[in-house]
Amino acid sequence: MSEQKEYLFYKNLKFIWSKKWILLIIPIVIALIVSAVSLLGDREYVGKAVYYTSTLDEKELTDPDFMEPKYITGTEDVEIKFSVVSRGKVQIKVVGDNKEEVQSKLTSLGTQYFEDLQGSYNFIYEETEKSLKNYQENLEIVEPLNEKIIEATEALEGQEISDKYIELLNSAVINQELLLEYENGVYRKTVDLKMFDEPELLSEEITKSDNYLVQNMVISFALSFFLTLLGIMLWRYIREARRALND
C-alpha cells in the first residue's frame, strides 16, 4: 500500500513538472497585471506636518480628541487627522486627490495651529516671568527686614522674658519662613524659564500615498501559484478519471 502511495505521489510530481511552465507563467502574468493596475491606479496626496509642542499640555493643543472638533469644520474636501506621534510632537495629516488643495489646507491648518501654540506658550512664559518678578520683589523687601529683626533680637539678648523680645522672636520665625518661601519661588521660576522651549514646526511634506506595489506582486503571485497548482492537480485527476472510465 505504501509503495502504491509513493508511486502515486511520484506520478503527481512528474505531471506537475511537465506543466512547470504553466505553473510559472500564469502567476507571473497575473502578478504583472496586478502591478500594472497598482501603478496606474489613482493615488492620493498625503500632507504631513509635525509640530513640537514643548511642555504645553492644553488638551485643545495636544489631545486629538479635543483638537479635531476645534480645527475641523466638517466642510473640507480633504481628510484631516490629528495625532500624537511621540511625547511633545503633534502631527497634522491631510489626505486628498488634489495636491494644491492638500497643500493649501495643510498650510492654513498649520498656521492656525502654530499661532495657537505660540500664543499659549507666550502666555505661560509671561505669567512665569511675572511670578518670578513678584517673588524677587518680595524677597527684596523681606531680606532687609529680616536683617533688622535679627539685629533687634540680638540687642535684646538677656531679656528673654520681655514681651518685646518674644515679639521680635516670633517676627524672626515668620520672616524666616517668608524668606525661604520667596527664595524657593525665585529658584523654581528661574528653572522653569530656563526649561521652556518654544514650539516649532519640525517637518512638513506632501507625498503620494503608497500603492503597495511589492506587497501586491508578492500576494498575487503566491495566490495565483497556489490556485494554478490546484488547477493542474484537478486537470490530472480529471484526465486519470476519464481514462479509468474509458477502460
Protein backbone atom coordinates (compact mmCIF):
# COMPACT_ATOMS: atom_id res chain seq x y z
CA MET A 1 0.00 0.00 0.00
CA SER A 2 2.83 2.38 0.90
CA GLU A 3 4.61 1.61 -2.38
CA GLN A 4 1.43 2.43 -4.26
CA LYS A 5 1.12 5.76 -2.42
CA GLU A 6 4.74 6.60 -3.16
CA TYR A 7 4.17 5.73 -6.79
CA LEU A 8 1.09 7.99 -6.98
CA PHE A 9 2.98 10.80 -5.34
CA TYR A 10 5.80 10.43 -7.83
CA LYS A 11 3.31 10.45 -10.72
CA ASN A 12 1.80 13.65 -9.34
CA LEU A 13 5.20 15.29 -9.12
CA LYS A 14 6.09 14.16 -12.61
CA PHE A 15 2.85 15.57 -14.02
CA ILE A 16 3.35 18.89 -12.21
CA TRP A 17 6.91 19.09 -13.50
CA SER A 18 5.69 18.51 -17.04
CA LYS A 19 3.43 21.56 -16.61
CA LYS A 20 6.07 23.71 -14.91
CA TRP A 21 5.86 26.47 -17.50
CA ILE A 22 2.14 26.83 -16.93
CA LEU A 23 2.77 26.85 -13.18
CA LEU A 24 5.21 29.74 -13.59
CA ILE A 25 3.79 31.72 -16.50
CA ILE A 26 0.24 32.13 -15.15
CA PRO A 27 1.30 33.51 -11.71
CA ILE A 28 3.87 35.81 -13.35
CA VAL A 29 1.31 37.18 -15.81
CA ILE A 30 -1.25 37.74 -13.04
CA ALA A 31 1.39 39.43 -10.84
CA LEU A 32 2.34 41.73 -13.73
CA ILE A 33 -1.30 42.63 -14.35
CA VAL A 34 -1.83 43.41 -10.65
CA SER A 35 1.34 45.51 -10.65
CA ALA A 36 0.18 47.46 -13.68
CA VAL A 37 -3.16 48.13 -12.01
CA SER A 38 -1.35 49.29 -8.86
CA LEU A 39 0.86 51.64 -10.87
CA LEU A 40 -1.93 53.07 -12.99
CA GLY A 41 -4.46 53.34 -10.17
CA ASP A 42 -5.28 56.72 -8.67
CA ARG A 43 -3.08 57.62 -5.70
CA GLU A 44 -3.98 60.22 -3.13
CA TYR A 45 -1.73 63.00 -1.93
CA VAL A 46 -0.74 62.88 1.73
CA GLY A 47 0.41 66.03 3.51
CA LYS A 48 2.04 65.75 6.93
CA ALA A 49 3.25 68.46 9.29
CA VAL A 50 4.84 67.66 12.66
CA TYR A 51 4.95 70.30 15.40
CA TYR A 52 6.92 70.38 18.62
CA THR A 53 4.55 71.44 21.41
CA SER A 54 7.24 71.97 24.05
CA THR A 55 5.88 71.46 27.58
CA LEU A 56 2.38 72.64 26.75
CA ASP A 57 -0.35 70.30 27.95
CA GLU A 58 -3.58 72.04 26.94
CA LYS A 59 -5.98 69.42 25.63
CA GLU A 60 -7.09 71.59 22.70
CA LEU A 61 -3.46 71.72 21.56
CA THR A 62 -2.16 68.26 22.45
CA ASP A 63 -5.14 65.85 22.53
CA PRO A 64 -6.53 64.78 19.10
CA ASP A 65 -9.99 64.18 20.61
CA PHE A 66 -10.17 67.86 21.51
CA MET A 67 -8.18 69.21 18.57
CA GLU A 68 -10.31 67.77 15.77
CA PRO A 69 -13.58 69.41 16.90
CA LYS A 70 -11.71 72.72 17.23
CA TYR A 71 -9.90 72.76 13.88
CA ILE A 72 -12.06 70.58 11.60
CA THR A 73 -15.26 72.24 10.41
CA GLY A 74 -16.67 69.25 8.53
CA THR A 75 -16.92 71.10 5.20
CA GLU A 76 -13.44 70.25 3.92
CA ASP A 77 -12.90 68.40 0.65
CA VAL A 78 -9.93 66.59 2.16
CA GLU A 79 -9.46 64.13 5.01
CA ILE A 80 -7.87 65.63 8.12
CA LYS A 81 -6.42 63.78 11.07
CA PHE A 82 -4.54 64.90 14.18
CA SER A 83 -2.28 62.51 16.08
CA VAL A 84 0.44 62.47 18.74
CA VAL A 85 3.45 60.79 17.13
CA SER A 86 5.57 60.96 20.30
CA ARG A 87 5.84 62.93 23.51
CA GLY A 88 5.64 66.64 22.71
CA LYS A 89 5.07 66.07 18.98
CA VAL A 90 1.73 66.53 17.22
CA GLN A 91 1.13 65.63 13.58
CA ILE A 92 -1.43 67.15 11.21
CA LYS A 93 -2.25 64.83 8.32
CA VAL A 94 -4.23 65.92 5.26
CA VAL A 95 -5.23 63.46 2.51
CA GLY A 96 -6.87 64.37 -0.79
CA ASP A 97 -6.92 63.84 -4.56
CA ASN A 98 -5.67 67.31 -5.43
CA LYS A 99 -2.15 68.32 -4.44
CA GLU A 100 -2.91 72.05 -4.35
CA GLU A 101 -5.92 71.52 -2.07
CA VAL A 102 -3.88 69.33 0.26
CA GLN A 103 -1.08 71.92 0.37
CA SER A 104 -3.49 74.79 0.94
CA LYS A 105 -5.35 73.04 3.76
CA LEU A 106 -2.16 71.83 5.42
CA THR A 107 -0.75 75.36 5.33
CA SER A 108 -3.89 77.05 6.69
CA LEU A 109 -4.37 74.46 9.43
CA GLY A 110 -0.70 74.58 10.34
CA THR A 111 -0.68 78.38 10.50
CA GLN A 112 -3.74 78.46 12.74
CA TYR A 113 -2.45 75.69 14.99
CA PHE A 114 1.03 77.18 15.32
CA GLU A 115 -0.41 80.60 16.20
CA ASP A 116 -2.40 78.95 18.99
CA LEU A 117 0.70 77.09 20.17
CA GLN A 118 2.77 80.24 20.18
CA GLY A 119 0.02 82.21 21.92
CA SER A 120 -0.30 79.63 24.67
CA TYR A 121 3.47 79.46 25.08
CA ASN A 122 3.80 83.24 25.27
CA PHE A 123 1.04 83.48 27.88
CA ILE A 124 2.61 80.83 30.13
CA TYR A 125 6.11 82.32 29.70
CA GLU A 126 4.93 85.84 30.52
CA GLU A 127 2.98 84.65 33.55
CA THR A 128 6.03 82.78 34.80
CA GLU A 129 8.13 85.92 34.34
CA LYS A 130 5.56 87.92 36.33
CA SER A 131 5.58 85.32 39.09
CA LEU A 132 9.39 85.38 39.20
CA LYS A 133 9.39 89.18 39.39
CA ASN A 134 6.85 89.07 42.21
CA TYR A 135 8.97 86.64 44.21
CA GLN A 136 12.06 88.79 43.60
CA GLU A 137 10.31 91.97 44.75
CA ASN A 138 9.03 90.27 47.91
CA LEU A 139 12.48 88.88 48.55
CA GLU A 140 13.98 92.37 48.30
CA ILE A 141 11.53 93.53 50.97
CA VAL A 142 11.94 90.58 53.32
CA GLU A 143 15.75 90.32 53.27
CA PRO A 144 16.49 93.80 54.79
CA LEU A 145 13.60 93.39 57.22
CA ASN A 146 14.99 90.04 58.30
CA GLU A 147 18.39 91.60 58.99
CA LYS A 148 16.81 94.37 61.11
CA ILE A 149 14.79 91.85 63.12
CA ILE A 150 17.90 89.76 63.76
CA GLU A 151 19.83 92.84 64.88
CA ALA A 152 16.99 93.94 67.19
CA THR A 153 16.70 90.45 68.63
CA GLU A 154 20.44 90.28 69.30
CA ALA A 155 20.24 93.67 71.04
CA LEU A 156 17.65 92.29 73.47
CA GLU A 157 19.59 89.18 74.37
CA GLY A 158 19.42 88.61 78.10
CA GLN A 159 15.83 89.90 78.16
CA GLU A 160 14.25 86.65 77.02
CA ILE A 161 11.26 87.10 79.27
CA SER A 162 10.30 90.52 77.95
CA ASP A 163 7.33 90.91 75.64
CA LYS A 164 9.45 92.84 73.16
CA TYR A 165 11.96 90.02 72.84
CA ILE A 166 9.23 87.39 72.38
CA GLU A 167 7.52 89.55 69.74
CA LEU A 168 10.76 90.02 67.83
CA LEU A 169 11.49 86.30 68.08
CA ASN A 170 8.09 85.44 66.61
CA SER A 171 8.63 88.00 63.85
CA ALA A 172 12.00 86.47 63.10
CA VAL A 173 10.49 82.99 62.73
CA ILE A 174 7.71 84.26 60.44
CA ASN A 175 10.17 86.31 58.41
CA GLN A 176 12.50 83.35 58.00
CA GLU A 177 9.62 81.27 56.66
CA LEU A 178 8.72 84.01 54.18
CA LEU A 179 12.36 84.38 53.19
CA LEU A 180 12.66 80.65 52.50
CA GLU A 181 9.40 80.64 50.53
CA TYR A 182 10.45 83.56 48.31
CA GLU A 183 13.93 82.14 47.75
CA ASN A 184 12.45 78.81 46.71
CA GLY A 185 9.95 80.62 44.50
CA VAL A 186 12.70 82.55 42.73
CA TYR A 187 14.65 79.33 42.19
CA ARG A 188 11.64 77.40 40.84
CA LYS A 189 10.55 80.12 38.44
CA THR A 190 14.10 80.68 37.21
CA VAL A 191 14.42 76.97 36.45
CA ASP A 192 11.01 76.96 34.76
CA LEU A 193 12.02 79.80 32.45
CA LYS A 194 15.27 78.06 31.52
CA MET A 195 13.40 74.82 30.78
CA PHE A 196 10.93 76.46 28.42
CA ASP A 197 11.32 75.56 24.73
CA GLU A 198 9.42 77.46 22.08
CA PRO A 199 7.04 75.46 19.87
CA GLU A 200 8.28 74.91 16.34
CA LEU A 201 7.49 73.25 13.04
CA LEU A 202 9.72 70.18 12.83
CA SER A 203 8.81 68.90 9.36
CA GLU A 204 6.34 69.30 6.53
CA GLU A 205 5.98 67.21 3.41
CA ILE A 206 3.49 66.17 0.74
CA THR A 207 3.84 62.74 -0.86
CA LYS A 208 1.72 60.33 -2.83
CA SER A 209 0.07 57.52 -0.94
CA ASP A 210 1.71 54.09 -1.13
CA ASN A 211 0.48 51.89 -3.99
CA TYR A 212 1.73 48.75 -2.20
CA LEU A 213 3.33 47.55 -5.45
CA VAL A 214 5.69 44.98 -3.93
CA GLN A 215 3.10 43.63 -1.49
CA ASN A 216 0.51 43.26 -4.24
CA MET A 217 3.00 41.49 -6.51
CA VAL A 218 4.02 39.00 -3.84
CA ILE A 219 0.48 38.26 -2.71
CA SER A 220 -0.91 37.94 -6.24
CA PHE A 221 1.98 35.67 -7.32
CA ALA A 222 1.64 33.40 -4.28
CA LEU A 223 -2.15 33.17 -4.53
CA SER A 224 -2.17 32.56 -8.30
CA PHE A 225 0.64 29.98 -7.94
CA PHE A 226 -1.41 28.09 -5.38
CA LEU A 227 -4.58 28.24 -7.49
CA THR A 228 -2.67 27.20 -10.62
CA LEU A 229 -1.22 24.25 -8.74
CA LEU A 230 -4.71 23.21 -7.65
CA GLY A 231 -5.86 23.59 -11.25
CA ILE A 232 -3.06 21.34 -12.51
CA MET A 233 -3.88 18.70 -9.90
CA LEU A 234 -7.56 18.85 -10.86
CA TRP A 235 -6.57 18.56 -14.52
CA ARG A 236 -4.61 15.37 -13.80
CA TYR A 237 -7.41 13.94 -11.68
CA ILE A 238 -9.98 14.51 -14.43
CA ARG A 239 -7.66 13.02 -17.04
CA GLU A 240 -6.98 9.92 -14.95
CA ALA A 241 -10.69 9.57 -14.15
CA ARG A 242 -11.62 9.68 -17.84
CA ARG A 243 -9.01 7.02 -18.64
CA ALA A 244 -10.29 4.78 -15.90
CA LEU A 245 -13.89 5.16 -17.08
CA ASN A 246 -12.97 4.53 -20.70
CA ASP A 247 -11.06 1.40 -19.72
